[in-house]
Amino acid sequence: MQQHAVVMHPLPRLDEIAVDVDEDPRAAYFRQAKNDLYIRMALLKKLLLIGC
């Protein structure tokens, strides 16, 4: 894999990605999942406030 590559995955991870990849600094799927949580919360809030 190239040095500038980034490994992303929407999670949950089954057997598509080896557990060894978790230690690689190019693995971004845990950051991706964390950011996804905040995006979903903001979208949900926005949708709920539209109905008020």
Protein backbone atom coordinates (compact mmCIF):
# COMPACT_ATOMS: atom_id res chain seq x y z
CA MET A 1 0.00 0.00 0.00
CA GLN A 2 1.27 3.47 -0.81
CA GLN A 3 2.45 5.74 2.02
CA HIS A 4 -0.18 8.40 1.30
CA ALA A 5 -3.05 5.90 1.12
CA VAL A 6 -5.85 5.98 3.71
CA VAL A 7 -7.83 2.91 4.75
CA MET A 8 -11.48 3.73 5.38
CA HIS A 9 -14.40 1.46 6.23
CA PRO A 10 -17.93 2.27 7.42
CA LEU A 11 -17.77 -0.39 10.15
CA PRO A 12 -18.70 -2.78 11.63
CA ARG A 13 -15.76 -4.69 10.31
CA LEU A 14 -16.17 -8.41 9.90
CA ASP A 15 -13.41 -10.09 7.94
CA GLU A 16 -12.85 -7.54 5.15
CA ILE A 17 -9.87 -5.94 6.91
CA ALA A 18 -7.31 -7.76 9.01
CA VAL A 19 -7.06 -6.72 12.66
CA ASP A 20 -3.36 -5.98 12.07
CA VAL A 21 -4.36 -2.94 10.02
CA ASP A 22 -5.72 -1.27 13.19
CA GLU A 23 -2.17 -0.37 14.24
CA ASP A 24 -1.32 1.21 10.87
CA PRO A 25 -1.41 5.03 11.04
CA ARG A 26 -3.11 5.04 7.63
CA ALA A 27 -6.15 3.25 9.08
CA ALA A 28 -8.78 5.97 9.41
CA TYR A 29 -11.91 3.92 10.04
CA PHE A 30 -12.09 4.56 13.80
CA ARG A 31 -11.78 8.33 13.23
CA GLN A 32 -14.28 7.97 10.41
CA ALA A 33 -16.76 6.23 12.72
CA LYS A 34 -16.26 8.85 15.45
CA ASN A 35 -16.89 11.71 13.03
CA ASP A 36 -19.86 9.86 11.57
CA LEU A 37 -21.48 9.83 15.01
CA TYR A 38 -21.32 13.63 15.27
CA ILE A 39 -22.60 14.09 11.72
CA ARG A 40 -25.56 11.80 12.38
CA MET A 41 -26.35 13.64 15.62
CA ALA A 42 -26.28 17.01 13.84
CA LEU A 43 -28.48 15.76 11.02
CA LEU A 44 -30.96 14.25 13.44
CA LYS A 45 -31.12 17.50 15.42
CA LYS A 46 -31.63 19.48 12.21
CA LEU A 47 -34.44 17.16 11.10
CA LEU A 48 -36.16 17.27 14.48
CA LEU A 49 -35.99 21.08 14.66
CA ILE A 50 -37.58 21.42 11.22
CA GLY A 51 -40.78 19.93 12.63
CA CYS A 52 -41.00 22.54 15.44
